[in-house]
Amino acid sequence: MHLLFLFNLACILTHELDAIQQEEWRFFNMPFQLEDDTAYRLFTILHVPLFIAIVWALPSQNFQIGFDVFVIAHAIVHWILRNHRYVNFNNPVSRLLIFAPVPTAILHIIWLAL
């Protein structure tokens, strides 16, 4: 069951790489109106503390459950925003990285609850 969680983590981290390719910083930059290059750099560099926090918290079962819930919520948000002009995850690989972890997140939560 640990592999289920690692699969989810790998998909989400790879999705974050894809988010740079898909220019996701433009969506998050809407309220700030930073220059595109500045928004890209800020979006990218903010992933460093995010990834540190994730790696640090990995052994925690509570973190794993929270991450599983995040994976599910994340997929729902992407589904809702799928037609937004700044959300460009409309290719099979991007969608696989977003939606494939949902069933395994559910299975992982169930496994931890038993």
C-alpha atoms as a PDB file:
ATOM      1  CA  MET A   1       0.000   0.000   0.000  1.00  0.00           C
ATOM      2  CA  HIS A   2       2.992   2.280   0.483  1.00  0.00           C
ATOM      3  CA  LEU A   3       3.461   2.054  -3.299  1.00  0.00           C
ATOM      4  CA  LEU A   4       0.000   3.564  -3.797  1.00  0.00           C
ATOM      5  CA  PHE A   5       1.050   6.657  -1.889  1.00  0.00           C
ATOM      6  CA  LEU A   6       4.376   6.855  -3.745  1.00  0.00           C
ATOM      7  CA  PHE A   7       2.523   6.572  -7.057  1.00  0.00           C
ATOM      8  CA  ASN A   8       0.298   9.508  -6.052  1.00  0.00           C
ATOM      9  CA  LEU A   9       3.281  11.553  -4.944  1.00  0.00           C
ATOM     10  CA  ALA A  10       5.203  10.817  -8.146  1.00  0.00           C
ATOM     11  CA  CYS A  11       2.218  11.792 -10.299  1.00  0.00           C
ATOM     12  CA  ILE A  12       1.691  15.071  -8.468  1.00  0.00           C
ATOM     13  CA  LEU A  13       5.388  16.007  -8.509  1.00  0.00           C
ATOM     14  CA  THR A  14       5.549  15.201 -12.217  1.00  0.00           C
ATOM     15  CA  HIS A  15       2.360  17.216 -12.712  1.00  0.00           C
ATOM     16  CA  GLU A  16       4.176  20.166 -11.149  1.00  0.00           C
ATOM     17  CA  LEU A  17       6.907  19.788 -13.769  1.00  0.00           C
ATOM     18  CA  ASP A  18       4.180  19.715 -16.407  1.00  0.00           C
ATOM     19  CA  ALA A  19       2.620  22.815 -14.810  1.00  0.00           C
ATOM     20  CA  ILE A  20       5.721  24.766 -15.769  1.00  0.00           C
ATOM     21  CA  GLN A  21       5.471  23.494 -19.358  1.00  0.00           C
ATOM     22  CA  GLN A  22       1.753  24.377 -19.402  1.00  0.00           C
ATOM     23  CA  GLU A  23       2.432  27.875 -18.010  1.00  0.00           C
ATOM     24  CA  GLU A  24       0.227  27.432 -14.950  1.00  0.00           C
ATOM     25  CA  TRP A  25       1.816  30.474 -13.330  1.00  0.00           C
ATOM     26  CA  ARG A  26      -0.407  32.579 -15.605  1.00  0.00           C
ATOM     27  CA  PHE A  27      -3.492  31.287 -13.767  1.00  0.00           C
ATOM     28  CA  PHE A  28      -2.030  32.038 -10.331  1.00  0.00           C
ATOM     29  CA  ASN A  29      -0.682  35.388 -11.503  1.00  0.00           C
ATOM     30  CA  MET A  30      -4.115  36.780 -12.456  1.00  0.00           C
ATOM     31  CA  PRO A  31      -4.660  38.750  -9.214  1.00  0.00           C
ATOM     32  CA  PHE A  32      -1.057  40.007  -9.086  1.00  0.00           C
ATOM     33  CA  GLN A  33      -0.438  41.008 -12.712  1.00  0.00           C
ATOM     34  CA  LEU A  34       3.319  40.420 -12.494  1.00  0.00           C
ATOM     35  CA  GLU A  35       5.421  40.368 -15.619  1.00  0.00           C
ATOM     36  CA  ASP A  36       5.215  36.923 -17.202  1.00  0.00           C
ATOM     37  CA  ASP A  37       8.897  36.135 -16.627  1.00  0.00           C
ATOM     38  CA  THR A  38       8.687  37.239 -12.972  1.00  0.00           C
ATOM     39  CA  ALA A  39       5.550  35.158 -12.404  1.00  0.00           C
ATOM     40  CA  TYR A  40       7.245  32.111 -13.981  1.00  0.00           C
ATOM     41  CA  ARG A  41      10.317  32.480 -11.771  1.00  0.00           C
ATOM     42  CA  LEU A  42       8.263  33.003  -8.613  1.00  0.00           C
ATOM     43  CA  PHE A  43       5.956  30.059  -9.393  1.00  0.00           C
ATOM     44  CA  THR A  44       8.964  27.823 -10.024  1.00  0.00           C
ATOM     45  CA  ILE A  45      11.057  28.881  -7.029  1.00  0.00           C
ATOM     46  CA  LEU A  46       8.107  28.554  -4.612  1.00  0.00           C
ATOM     47  CA  HIS A  47       8.119  24.837  -5.373  1.00  0.00           C
ATOM     48  CA  VAL A  48      11.431  24.463  -3.526  1.00  0.00           C
ATOM     49  CA  PRO A  49       9.978  25.022  -0.009  1.00  0.00           C
ATOM     50  CA  LEU A  50       6.847  23.121  -1.040  1.00  0.00           C
ATOM     51  CA  PHE A  51       8.902  20.065  -2.035  1.00  0.00           C
ATOM     52  CA  ILE A  52      11.016  20.343   1.130  1.00  0.00           C
ATOM     53  CA  ALA A  53       7.854  20.329   3.257  1.00  0.00           C
ATOM     54  CA  ILE A  54       6.471  17.325   1.371  1.00  0.00           C
ATOM     55  CA  VAL A  55       9.660  15.285   1.723  1.00  0.00           C
ATOM     56  CA  TRP A  56       9.992  16.227   5.404  1.00  0.00           C
ATOM     57  CA  ALA A  57       6.392  15.151   6.143  1.00  0.00           C
ATOM     58  CA  LEU A  58       6.414  11.923   4.123  1.00  0.00           C
ATOM     59  CA  PRO A  59       6.636   9.502   7.090  1.00  0.00           C
ATOM     60  CA  SER A  60       3.557  10.986   8.769  1.00  0.00           C
ATOM     61  CA  GLN A  61       0.389   8.971   8.247  1.00  0.00           C
ATOM     62  CA  ASN A  62      -1.653  12.120   8.866  1.00  0.00           C
ATOM     63  CA  PHE A  63       0.273  13.873   6.102  1.00  0.00           C
ATOM     64  CA  GLN A  64      -0.311  10.943   3.760  1.00  0.00           C
ATOM     65  CA  ILE A  65      -4.062  11.051   4.386  1.00  0.00           C
ATOM     66  CA  GLY A  66      -4.072  14.812   3.904  1.00  0.00           C
ATOM     67  CA  PHE A  67      -2.092  14.430   0.700  1.00  0.00           C
ATOM     68  CA  ASP A  68      -4.555  11.802  -0.559  1.00  0.00           C
ATOM     69  CA  VAL A  69      -7.427  14.195   0.147  1.00  0.00           C
ATOM     70  CA  PHE A  70      -5.491  16.951  -1.634  1.00  0.00           C
ATOM     71  CA  VAL A  71      -4.993  14.692  -4.686  1.00  0.00           C
ATOM     72  CA  ILE A  72      -8.752  14.149  -4.914  1.00  0.00           C
ATOM     73  CA  ALA A  73      -9.599  17.845  -4.376  1.00  0.00           C
ATOM     74  CA  HIS A  74      -6.867  18.851  -6.840  1.00  0.00           C
ATOM     75  CA  ALA A  75      -8.396  16.661  -9.555  1.00  0.00           C
ATOM     76  CA  ILE A  76     -11.854  18.130  -8.877  1.00  0.00           C
ATOM     77  CA  VAL A  77     -10.504  21.679  -9.182  1.00  0.00           C
ATOM     78  CA  HIS A  78      -8.752  20.811 -12.446  1.00  0.00           C
ATOM     79  CA  TRP A  79     -11.975  19.283 -13.769  1.00  0.00           C
ATOM     80  CA  ILE A  80     -13.944  22.423 -12.866  1.00  0.00           C
ATOM     81  CA  LEU A  81     -11.301  24.708 -14.435  1.00  0.00           C
ATOM     82  CA  ARG A  82     -10.628  22.526 -17.501  1.00  0.00           C
ATOM     83  CA  ASN A  83     -12.008  25.194 -19.891  1.00  0.00           C
ATOM     84  CA  HIS A  84     -10.391  28.211 -18.222  1.00  0.00           C
ATOM     85  CA  ARG A  85      -8.230  30.180 -20.660  1.00  0.00           C
ATOM     86  CA  TYR A  86      -5.149  29.943 -18.413  1.00  0.00           C
ATOM     87  CA  VAL A  87      -5.472  26.241 -17.635  1.00  0.00           C
ATOM     88  CA  ASN A  88      -3.761  24.290 -20.417  1.00  0.00           C
ATOM     89  CA  PHE A  89      -3.749  20.690 -19.184  1.00  0.00           C
ATOM     90  CA  ASN A  90      -5.768  19.478 -22.160  1.00  0.00           C
ATOM     91  CA  ASN A  91      -3.522  16.699 -23.377  1.00  0.00           C
ATOM     92  CA  PRO A  92      -3.537  13.001 -22.414  1.00  0.00           C
ATOM     93  CA  VAL A  93      -0.284  13.086 -20.426  1.00  0.00           C
ATOM     94  CA  SER A  94      -1.315  16.106 -18.367  1.00  0.00           C
ATOM     95  CA  ARG A  95      -4.711  14.617 -17.639  1.00  0.00           C
ATOM     96  CA  LEU A  96      -3.179  11.262 -16.717  1.00  0.00           C
ATOM     97  CA  LEU A  97      -0.912  12.939 -14.150  1.00  0.00           C
ATOM     98  CA  ILE A  98      -3.864  14.813 -12.648  1.00  0.00           C
ATOM     99  CA  PHE A  99      -6.544  12.128 -12.617  1.00  0.00           C
ATOM    100  CA  ALA A 100      -4.696   8.777 -12.357  1.00  0.00           C
ATOM    101  CA  PRO A 101      -3.836   9.290  -8.661  1.00  0.00           C
ATOM    102  CA  VAL A 102      -7.494   9.681  -7.615  1.00  0.00           C
ATOM    103  CA  PRO A 103      -8.418   5.968  -7.433  1.00  0.00           C
ATOM    104  CA  THR A 104      -5.132   5.110  -5.737  1.00  0.00           C
ATOM    105  CA  ALA A 105      -5.616   7.962  -3.244  1.00  0.00           C
ATOM    106  CA  ILE A 106      -9.027   6.543  -2.366  1.00  0.00           C
ATOM    107  CA  LEU A 107      -7.565   3.037  -2.000  1.00  0.00           C
ATOM    108  CA  HIS A 108      -4.727   4.376   0.141  1.00  0.00           C
ATOM    109  CA  ILE A 109      -7.145   6.153   2.484  1.00  0.00           C
ATOM    110  CA  ILE A 110      -9.249   3.022   2.803  1.00  0.00           C
ATOM    111  CA  TRP A 111      -6.138   0.910   3.471  1.00  0.00           C
ATOM    112  CA  LEU A 112      -4.942   3.286   6.212  1.00  0.00           C
ATOM    113  CA  ALA A 113      -8.413   3.317   7.793  1.00  0.00           C
ATOM    114  CA  LEU A 114      -8.502  -0.489   8.163  1.00  0.00           C
END
